[in-house]
Structure formats: structure tokens, C-alpha cells
PDB file of N, CA and C in Angstrom:
ATOM      1  N   THR A   1       0.647  -1.077   0.061  1.00  0.00           N
ATOM      2  CA  THR A   1       0.100  -0.092  -0.089  1.00  0.00           C
ATOM      3  C   THR A   1       0.816   1.295  -0.005  1.00  0.00           C
ATOM      4  N   ALA A   2       0.554   2.343  -0.764  1.00  0.00           N
ATOM      5  CA  ALA A   2       1.302   3.413  -1.073  1.00  0.00           C
ATOM      6  C   ALA A   2       0.868   4.443   0.200  1.00  0.00           C
ATOM      7  N   PRO A   3       1.681   5.325   0.854  1.00  0.00           N
ATOM      8  CA  PRO A   3       1.897   6.236   1.831  1.00  0.00           C
ATOM      9  C   PRO A   3       0.603   7.128   1.507  1.00  0.00           C
ATOM     10  N   PRO A   4      -0.060   7.348   2.454  1.00  0.00           N
ATOM     11  CA  PRO A   4      -0.865   8.559   2.024  1.00  0.00           C
ATOM     12  C   PRO A   4      -0.376  10.233   1.812  1.00  0.00           C
ATOM     13  N   ASP A   5      -1.056  10.843   0.818  1.00  0.00           N
ATOM     14  CA  ASP A   5      -0.551  12.114   0.943  1.00  0.00           C
ATOM     15  C   ASP A   5      -0.411  12.967   1.927  1.00  0.00           C
ATOM     16  N   ASP A   6       0.492  13.821   1.752  1.00  0.00           N
ATOM     17  CA  ASP A   6       0.696  14.976   2.897  1.00  0.00           C
ATOM     18  C   ASP A   6      -0.543  15.745   3.061  1.00  0.00           C
ATOM     19  N   HIS A   7      -0.588  16.052   4.603  1.00  0.00           N
ATOM     20  CA  HIS A   7      -1.685  17.088   4.859  1.00  0.00           C
ATOM     21  C   HIS A   7      -0.847  18.038   5.748  1.00  0.00           C
ATOM     22  N   VAL A   8      -1.640  19.274   6.281  1.00  0.00           N
ATOM     23  CA  VAL A   8      -1.016  19.986   7.194  1.00  0.00           C
ATOM     24  C   VAL A   8      -2.227  20.541   8.047  1.00  0.00           C
ATOM     25  N   HIS A   9      -1.896  20.630   9.361  1.00  0.00           N
ATOM     26  CA  HIS A   9      -2.578  21.259  10.311  1.00  0.00           C
ATOM     27  C   HIS A   9      -2.059  22.375  10.664  1.00  0.00           C
ATOM     28  N   VAL A  10      -2.802  23.628   9.941  1.00  0.00           N
ATOM     29  CA  VAL A  10      -2.309  25.021  10.128  1.00  0.00           C
ATOM     30  C   VAL A  10      -1.971  25.658  11.450  1.00  0.00           C
ATOM     31  N   ALA A  11      -2.779  25.391  12.146  1.00  0.00           N
ATOM     32  CA  ALA A  11      -2.789  25.879  13.419  1.00  0.00           C
ATOM     33  C   ALA A  11      -2.416  24.947  14.626  1.00  0.00           C
ATOM     34  N   GLN A  12      -2.117  23.963  14.444  1.00  0.00           N
ATOM     35  CA  GLN A  12      -1.929  22.811  15.699  1.00  0.00           C
ATOM     36  C   GLN A  12      -0.854  21.783  15.471  1.00  0.00           C
ATOM     37  N   ALA A  13      -0.082  21.900  16.637  1.00  0.00           N
ATOM     38  CA  ALA A  13       0.881  20.982  16.799  1.00  0.00           C
ATOM     39  C   ALA A  13       0.570  19.523  17.010  1.00  0.00           C
ATOM     40  N   GLU A  14       1.153  18.228  16.307  1.00  0.00           N
ATOM     41  CA  GLU A  14       0.563  16.857  16.440  1.00  0.00           C
ATOM     42  C   GLU A  14       1.911  16.052  17.497  1.00  0.00           C
ATOM     43  N   ARG A  15       1.508  15.533  18.029  1.00  0.00           N
ATOM     44  CA  ARG A  15       2.276  14.735  19.118  1.00  0.00           C
ATOM     45  C   ARG A  15       1.996  13.468  18.816  1.00  0.00           C
ATOM     46  N   LEU A  16       2.638  12.617  18.180  1.00  0.00           N
ATOM     47  CA  LEU A  16       2.318  10.796  18.065  1.00  0.00           C
ATOM     48  C   LEU A  16       3.142  10.248  19.052  1.00  0.00           C
ATOM     49  N   GLU A  17       2.699   9.196  19.967  1.00  0.00           N
ATOM     50  CA  GLU A  17       3.465   8.246  20.670  1.00  0.00           C
ATOM     51  C   GLU A  17       3.093   7.039  20.019  1.00  0.00           C
ATOM     52  N   VAL A  18       3.879   6.024  19.876  1.00  0.00           N
ATOM     53  CA  VAL A  18       3.644   4.780  19.493  1.00  0.00           C
ATOM     54  C   VAL A  18       3.648   3.744  20.777  1.00  0.00           C
ATOM     55  N   LEU A  19       2.309   3.283  20.970  1.00  0.00           N
ATOM     56  CA  LEU A  19       2.422   1.939  21.992  1.00  0.00           C
ATOM     57  C   LEU A  19       2.931   0.890  21.796  1.00  0.00           C
ATOM     58  N   ALA A  20       2.282   0.605  20.591  1.00  0.00           N
ATOM     59  CA  ALA A  20       2.820  -0.710  20.126  1.00  0.00           C
ATOM     60  C   ALA A  20       3.089  -0.964  18.562  1.00  0.00           C
ATOM     61  N   GLY A  21       4.013  -1.708  18.205  1.00  0.00           N
ATOM     62  CA  GLY A  21       4.178  -1.660  16.697  1.00  0.00           C
ATOM     63  C   GLY A  21       4.890  -0.617  16.172  1.00  0.00           C
ATOM     64  N   THR A  22       4.897  -0.522  14.847  1.00  0.00           N
ATOM     65  CA  THR A  22       5.391   0.338  13.839  1.00  0.00           C
ATOM     66  C   THR A  22       4.949   1.679  13.400  1.00  0.00           C
ATOM     67  N   LEU A  23       5.232   2.548  13.205  1.00  0.00           N
ATOM     68  CA  LEU A  23       4.419   3.832  12.277  1.00  0.00           C
ATOM     69  C   LEU A  23       5.299   4.646  11.834  1.00  0.00           C
ATOM     70  N   ASN A  24       5.023   5.096  10.603  1.00  0.00           N
ATOM     71  CA  ASN A  24       5.955   5.602   9.612  1.00  0.00           C
ATOM     72  C   ASN A  24       5.310   6.782   9.569  1.00  0.00           C
ATOM     73  N   VAL A  25       6.229   7.898   9.637  1.00  0.00           N
ATOM     74  CA  VAL A  25       5.656   9.189   9.960  1.00  0.00           C
ATOM     75  C   VAL A  25       6.858   9.904   8.807  1.00  0.00           C
ATOM     76  N   ARG A  26       6.046  10.803   7.884  1.00  0.00           N
ATOM     77  CA  ARG A  26       6.830  11.670   6.849  1.00  0.00           C
ATOM     78  C   ARG A  26       6.954  13.331   7.331  1.00  0.00           C
ATOM     79  N   ILE A  27       7.843  13.794   7.545  1.00  0.00           N
ATOM     80  CA  ILE A  27       7.657  14.899   7.936  1.00  0.00           C
ATOM     81  C   ILE A  27       8.762  15.768   6.927  1.00  0.00           C
ATOM     82  N   GLY A  28       8.089  16.776   6.272  1.00  0.00           N
ATOM     83  CA  GLY A  28       8.879  17.616   5.546  1.00  0.00           C
ATOM     84  C   GLY A  28       9.824  16.767   4.269  1.00  0.00           C
ATOM     85  N   GLY A  29       9.118  15.610   3.616  1.00  0.00           N
ATOM     86  CA  GLY A  29       9.916  14.754   2.898  1.00  0.00           C
ATOM     87  C   GLY A  29      10.779  13.603   3.394  1.00  0.00           C
ATOM     88  N   ARG A  30      10.757  13.757   4.908  1.00  0.00           N
ATOM     89  CA  ARG A  30      11.953  12.581   5.503  1.00  0.00           C
ATOM     90  C   ARG A  30      10.807  11.626   6.320  1.00  0.00           C
ATOM     91  N   VAL A  31      11.147  10.492   6.035  1.00  0.00           N
ATOM     92  CA  VAL A  31      10.264   9.473   6.791  1.00  0.00           C
ATOM     93  C   VAL A  31      11.200   9.001   7.991  1.00  0.00           C
ATOM     94  N   HIS A  32      10.402   8.670   9.151  1.00  0.00           N
ATOM     95  CA  HIS A  32      10.969   8.465  10.323  1.00  0.00           C
ATOM     96  C   HIS A  32      10.142   7.145  10.865  1.00  0.00           C
ATOM     97  N   VAL A  33      10.792   6.147  11.193  1.00  0.00           N
ATOM     98  CA  VAL A  33       9.873   4.867  11.413  1.00  0.00           C
ATOM     99  C   VAL A  33      10.073   4.900  12.927  1.00  0.00           C
ATOM    100  N   LEU A  34       9.157   4.971  13.525  1.00  0.00           N
ATOM    101  CA  LEU A  34       8.587   5.200  14.767  1.00  0.00           C
ATOM    102  C   LEU A  34       8.376   3.675  15.512  1.00  0.00           C
ATOM    103  N   ARG A  35       8.595   3.018  16.526  1.00  0.00           N
ATOM    104  CA  ARG A  35       8.406   2.094  17.361  1.00  0.00           C
ATOM    105  C   ARG A  35       8.231   2.172  18.641  1.00  0.00           C
ATOM    106  N   ALA A  36       7.436   0.890  19.352  1.00  0.00           N
ATOM    107  CA  ALA A  36       6.786   1.139  20.628  1.00  0.00           C
ATOM    108  C   ALA A  36       7.689   2.015  21.626  1.00  0.00           C
ATOM    109  N   GLY A  37       7.280   3.025  22.103  1.00  0.00           N
ATOM    110  CA  GLY A  37       7.904   4.058  23.164  1.00  0.00           C
ATOM    111  C   GLY A  37       8.433   5.003  22.427  1.00  0.00           C
ATOM    112  N   ALA A  38       8.504   5.174  21.202  1.00  0.00           N
ATOM    113  CA  ALA A  38       8.961   6.617  20.524  1.00  0.00           C
ATOM    114  C   ALA A  38       7.614   7.418  20.452  1.00  0.00           C
ATOM    115  N   ALA A  39       8.101   8.874  20.306  1.00  0.00           N
ATOM    116  CA  ALA A  39       7.264   9.701  20.211  1.00  0.00           C
ATOM    117  C   ALA A  39       7.711  10.841  19.052  1.00  0.00           C
ATOM    118  N   ILE A  40       7.064  11.514  18.498  1.00  0.00           N
ATOM    119  CA  ILE A  40       7.511  12.726  17.632  1.00  0.00           C
ATOM    120  C   ILE A  40       6.477  13.844  17.781  1.00  0.00           C
ATOM    121  N   VAL A  41       6.805  15.225  17.383  1.00  0.00           N
ATOM    122  CA  VAL A  41       6.020  16.293  17.824  1.00  0.00           C
ATOM    123  C   VAL A  41       6.267  16.830  16.033  1.00  0.00           C
ATOM    124  N   ILE A  42       4.632  17.322  15.545  1.00  0.00           N
ATOM    125  CA  ILE A  42       5.198  17.901  14.456  1.00  0.00           C
ATOM    126  C   ILE A  42       4.489  19.520  14.513  1.00  0.00           C
ATOM    127  N   PRO A  43       5.148  20.071  14.217  1.00  0.00           N
ATOM    128  CA  PRO A  43       5.134  21.483  14.378  1.00  0.00           C
ATOM    129  C   PRO A  43       3.686  21.918  13.604  1.00  0.00           C
ATOM    130  N   PRO A  44       3.076  23.230  13.849  1.00  0.00           N
ATOM    131  CA  PRO A  44       1.858  23.794  12.936  1.00  0.00           C
ATOM    132  C   PRO A  44       2.465  24.160  11.655  1.00  0.00           C
ATOM    133  N   GLY A  45       1.606  23.767  10.651  1.00  0.00           N
ATOM    134  CA  GLY A  45       2.238  24.359   9.353  1.00  0.00           C
ATOM    135  C   GLY A  45       3.094  23.114   8.392  1.00  0.00           C
ATOM    136  N   THR A  46       3.200  22.063   8.935  1.00  0.00           N
ATOM    137  CA  THR A  46       4.296  21.287   8.502  1.00  0.00           C
ATOM    138  C   THR A  46       3.711  20.152   8.070  1.00  0.00           C
ATOM    139  N   PRO A  47       3.800  19.888   6.419  1.00  0.00           N
ATOM    140  CA  PRO A  47       3.192  18.778   5.655  1.00  0.00           C
ATOM    141  C   PRO A  47       3.901  17.319   6.371  1.00  0.00           C
ATOM    142  N   HIS A  48       3.001  16.656   6.451  1.00  0.00           N
ATOM    143  CA  HIS A  48       3.108  15.485   6.966  1.00  0.00           C
ATOM    144  C   HIS A  48       2.235  14.261   6.491  1.00  0.00           C
ATOM    145  N   ALA A  49       2.345  12.921   6.883  1.00  0.00           N
ATOM    146  CA  ALA A  49       2.038  12.072   6.796  1.00  0.00           C
ATOM    147  C   ALA A  49       2.270  10.901   7.598  1.00  0.00           C
ATOM    148  N   VAL A  50       1.147   9.725   7.694  1.00  0.00           N
ATOM    149  CA  VAL A  50       1.468   8.676   8.928  1.00  0.00           C
ATOM    150  C   VAL A  50       0.769   7.962   8.158  1.00  0.00           C
ATOM    151  N   TRP A  51       1.609   6.500   8.566  1.00  0.00           N
ATOM    152  CA  TRP A  51       0.907   5.500   8.011  1.00  0.00           C
ATOM    153  C   TRP A  51       1.546   3.948   8.815  1.00  0.00           C
ATOM    154  N   ASN A  52       0.818   3.125   8.560  1.00  0.00           N
ATOM    155  CA  ASN A  52       0.991   1.654   9.622  1.00  0.00           C
ATOM    156  C   ASN A  52       1.609   0.694   8.127  1.00  0.00           C
ATOM    157  N   VAL A  53       2.813   0.229   8.739  1.00  0.00           N
ATOM    158  CA  VAL A  53       3.360  -0.693   7.352  1.00  0.00           C
ATOM    159  C   VAL A  53       3.417  -1.779   7.976  1.00  0.00           C
ATOM    160  N   ASP A  54       3.492  -1.794   9.643  1.00  0.00           N
ATOM    161  CA  ASP A  54       3.363  -3.154  10.233  1.00  0.00           C
ATOM    162  C   ASP A  54       2.074  -4.109  10.008  1.00  0.00           C
ATOM    163  N   PRO A  55       2.636  -5.472   9.570  1.00  0.00           N
ATOM    164  CA  PRO A  55       1.859  -6.659   9.613  1.00  0.00           C
ATOM    165  C   PRO A  55       0.920  -6.601  10.779  1.00  0.00           C
ATOM    166  N   GLU A  56       1.297  -6.395  11.892  1.00  0.00           N
ATOM    167  CA  GLU A  56       0.176  -6.342  13.261  1.00  0.00           C
ATOM    168  C   GLU A  56      -0.267  -5.157  13.361  1.00  0.00           C
ATOM    169  N   ARG A  57      -1.119  -4.868  14.400  1.00  0.00           N
ATOM    170  CA  ARG A  57      -1.833  -3.829  14.481  1.00  0.00           C
ATOM    171  C   ARG A  57      -0.946  -2.624  15.273  1.00  0.00           C
ATOM    172  N   THR A  58      -0.839  -1.263  14.718  1.00  0.00           N
ATOM    173  CA  THR A  58      -0.157  -0.445  15.465  1.00  0.00           C
ATOM    174  C   THR A  58      -0.959   0.233  16.138  1.00  0.00           C
ATOM    175  N   ARG A  59      -0.637   0.494  17.852  1.00  0.00           N
ATOM    176  CA  ARG A  59      -1.243   1.488  18.702  1.00  0.00           C
ATOM    177  C   ARG A  59      -0.835   2.366  19.019  1.00  0.00           C
ATOM    178  N   THR A  60      -1.207   3.733  18.841  1.00  0.00           N
ATOM    179  CA  THR A  60      -0.587   5.078  18.728  1.00  0.00           C
ATOM    180  C   THR A  60      -1.558   6.196  19.733  1.00  0.00           C
ATOM    181  N   ARG A  61      -0.890   7.256  20.272  1.00  0.00           N
ATOM    182  CA  ARG A  61      -1.711   7.953  21.020  1.00  0.00           C
ATOM    183  C   ARG A  61      -1.481   9.366  20.327  1.00  0.00           C
ATOM    184  N   GLY A  62      -2.421  10.130  19.970  1.00  0.00           N
ATOM    185  CA  GLY A  62      -2.254  11.425  19.120  1.00  0.00           C
ATOM    186  C   GLY A  62      -2.740  12.485  20.034  1.00  0.00           C
ATOM    187  N   GLU A  63      -2.226  13.551  20.026  1.00  0.00           N
ATOM    188  CA  GLU A  63      -2.569  14.691  20.771  1.00  0.00           C
ATOM    189  C   GLU A  63      -2.115  15.957  19.806  1.00  0.00           C
ATOM    190  N   PHE A  64      -3.552  16.642  19.786  1.00  0.00           N
ATOM    191  CA  PHE A  64      -3.377  18.141  19.010  1.00  0.00           C
ATOM    192  C   PHE A  64      -3.377  19.356  19.860  1.00  0.00           C
ATOM    193  N   ARG A  65      -2.574  20.063  19.822  1.00  0.00           N
ATOM    194  CA  ARG A  65      -2.536  21.665  20.550  1.00  0.00           C
ATOM    195  C   ARG A  65      -2.535  22.582  19.918  1.00  0.00           C
ATOM    196  N   PRO A  66      -3.227  23.560  19.881  1.00  0.00           N
ATOM    197  CA  PRO A  66      -4.586  23.657  20.717  1.00  0.00           C
ATOM    198  C   PRO A  66      -5.706  22.353  19.876  1.00  0.00           C
ATOM    199  N   ALA A  67      -6.369  21.757  20.611  1.00  0.00           N
ATOM    200  CA  ALA A  67      -7.233  20.569  20.005  1.00  0.00           C
ATOM    201  C   ALA A  67      -8.124  21.089  19.021  1.00  0.00           C
ATOM    202  N   LEU A  68      -8.966  22.491  19.090  1.00  0.00           N
ATOM    203  CA  LEU A  68      -9.690  23.078  18.168  1.00  0.00           C
ATOM    204  C   LEU A  68     -10.908  22.042  18.219  1.00  0.00           C
ATOM    205  N   ASP A  69     -11.303  21.449  16.932  1.00  0.00           N
ATOM    206  CA  ASP A  69     -12.307  20.491  16.047  1.00  0.00           C
ATOM    207  C   ASP A  69     -11.974  19.357  16.445  1.00  0.00           C
ATOM    208  N   MET A  70     -10.811  18.871  16.621  1.00  0.00           N
ATOM    209  CA  MET A  70     -10.062  17.420  16.270  1.00  0.00           C
ATOM    210  C   MET A  70     -11.014  16.366  17.061  1.00  0.00           C
ATOM    211  N   GLN A  71     -11.385  16.553  17.800  1.00  0.00           N
ATOM    212  CA  GLN A  71     -12.485  15.469  18.519  1.00  0.00           C
ATOM    213  C   GLN A  71     -13.321  15.042  17.624  1.00  0.00           C
ATOM    214  N   GLN A  72     -14.164  16.151  16.938  1.00  0.00           N
ATOM    215  CA  GLN A  72     -15.333  15.885  16.182  1.00  0.00           C
ATOM    216  C   GLN A  72     -14.823  14.872  14.727  1.00  0.00           C
ATOM    217  N   ARG A  73     -14.149  16.101  14.055  1.00  0.00           N
ATOM    218  CA  ARG A  73     -13.173  15.476  12.936  1.00  0.00           C
ATOM    219  C   ARG A  73     -12.812  14.085  12.946  1.00  0.00           C
ATOM    220  N   MET A  74     -12.168  13.747  14.347  1.00  0.00           N
ATOM    221  CA  MET A  74     -11.857  12.232  14.320  1.00  0.00           C
ATOM    222  C   MET A  74     -12.675  11.402  14.254  1.00  0.00           C
ATOM    223  N   GLU A  75     -13.517  11.664  15.071  1.00  0.00           N
ATOM    224  CA  GLU A  75     -15.166  10.756  15.316  1.00  0.00           C
ATOM    225  C   GLU A  75     -15.874  10.591  13.879  1.00  0.00           C
ATOM    226  N   ALA A  76     -15.861  11.746  13.142  1.00  0.00           N
ATOM    227  CA  ALA A  76     -16.501  11.686  11.778  1.00  0.00           C
ATOM    228  C   ALA A  76     -15.474  10.704  11.100  1.00  0.00           C
ATOM    229  N   MET A  77     -14.380  10.769  11.288  1.00  0.00           N
ATOM    230  CA  MET A  77     -13.373   9.940   9.912  1.00  0.00           C
ATOM    231  C   MET A  77     -13.463   8.257  10.263  1.00  0.00           C
ATOM    232  N   PHE A  78     -13.764   8.107  11.815  1.00  0.00           N
ATOM    233  CA  PHE A  78     -13.363   6.708  12.008  1.00  0.00           C
ATOM    234  C   PHE A  78     -15.228   6.388  11.750  1.00  0.00           C
ATOM    235  N   ARG A  79     -16.260   7.161  11.837  1.00  0.00           N
ATOM    236  CA  ARG A  79     -17.335   6.646  11.704  1.00  0.00           C
ATOM    237  C   ARG A  79     -17.537   6.352  10.004  1.00  0.00           C
ATOM    238  N   GLU A  80     -17.055   7.004   9.428  1.00  0.00           N
ATOM    239  CA  GLU A  80     -16.791   6.967   7.305  1.00  0.00           C
ATOM    240  C   GLU A  80     -15.914   5.694   7.130  1.00  0.00           C
ATOM    241  N   ALA A  81     -15.026   5.125   7.864  1.00  0.00           N
ATOM    242  CA  ALA A  81     -13.843   4.396   7.678  1.00  0.00           C
ATOM    243  C   ALA A  81     -14.160   2.860   7.219  1.00  0.00           C
ATOM    244  N   PRO A  82     -15.253   2.342   8.360  1.00  0.00           N
ATOM    245  CA  PRO A  82     -15.893   1.065   7.551  1.00  0.00           C
ATOM    246  C   PRO A  82     -16.341   1.166   6.283  1.00  0.00           C
ATOM    247  N   ALA A  83     -17.097   2.419   5.953  1.00  0.00           N
ATOM    248  CA  ALA A  83     -17.685   2.251   4.342  1.00  0.00           C
ATOM    249  C   ALA A  83     -17.026   2.338   3.514  1.00  0.00           C
ATOM    250  N   ARG A  84     -15.641   3.105   3.793  1.00  0.00           N
ATOM    251  CA  ARG A  84     -14.850   3.577   2.797  1.00  0.00           C
ATOM    252  C   ARG A  84     -14.022   1.397   2.634  1.00  0.00           C
ATOM    253  N   VAL A  85     -13.649   0.832   3.694  1.00  0.00           N
ATOM    254  CA  VAL A  85     -12.854  -0.289   3.593  1.00  0.00           C
ATOM    255  C   VAL A  85     -14.360  -1.098   2.761  1.00  0.00           C
ATOM    256  N   ALA A  86     -15.138  -1.287   3.010  1.00  0.00           N
ATOM    257  CA  ALA A  86     -16.348  -2.013   2.124  1.00  0.00           C
ATOM    258  C   ALA A  86     -16.458  -1.924   0.681  1.00  0.00           C
ATOM    259  N   ARG A  87     -15.836  -0.559   0.418  1.00  0.00           N
ATOM    260  CA  ARG A  87     -15.985  -0.280  -1.154  1.00  0.00           C
ATOM    261  C   ARG A  87     -15.192  -1.303  -1.892  1.00  0.00           C
TER     262      ARG A  87
END
């Protein structure tokens, strides 16, 4: 599976912490491979992409500062996810 396109959070910093598995994070064109226990902060306005290439499940914790409307956006995205997979 190809990595997703980059996206930007204009007014939010994003912190990702890997709890289990492996996560790839592309920031400014450079790919970081994060394993359990690792964390990374993506500054506001920085193009980035996040994806899992681990054959097992990857568990992460994400934090956005300031939160803004991220809770509602994530809930909407995960509600739609099963429909996208079924297509």
C-alpha cells in the first residue's frame, strides 16, 4: 500500500506516541520509523503523513494542541472508515 499524501494542520502541533507496533511518519519529505516507546512532534503548518506498514496492529496516542475541533473530526473520520473499506 502506498503512503498517504501529506496534509497540514495549520494551527495545531501534533504529537504522536507509538504504544505498540511500528508507525511511519513523513515530515517535510523525510520518513521517520517509530517503534513502541517513541514519540514525535509535528509543528503547526508542517506537511506530513502518517501510516502503518506493520503486519500487526499498531497502537498510537495522538495529541493536538490546541485541540480545536479535532475530537469531532476524528469521530467523523472513524465513523466513515468502515464504509471506505467495504468499497
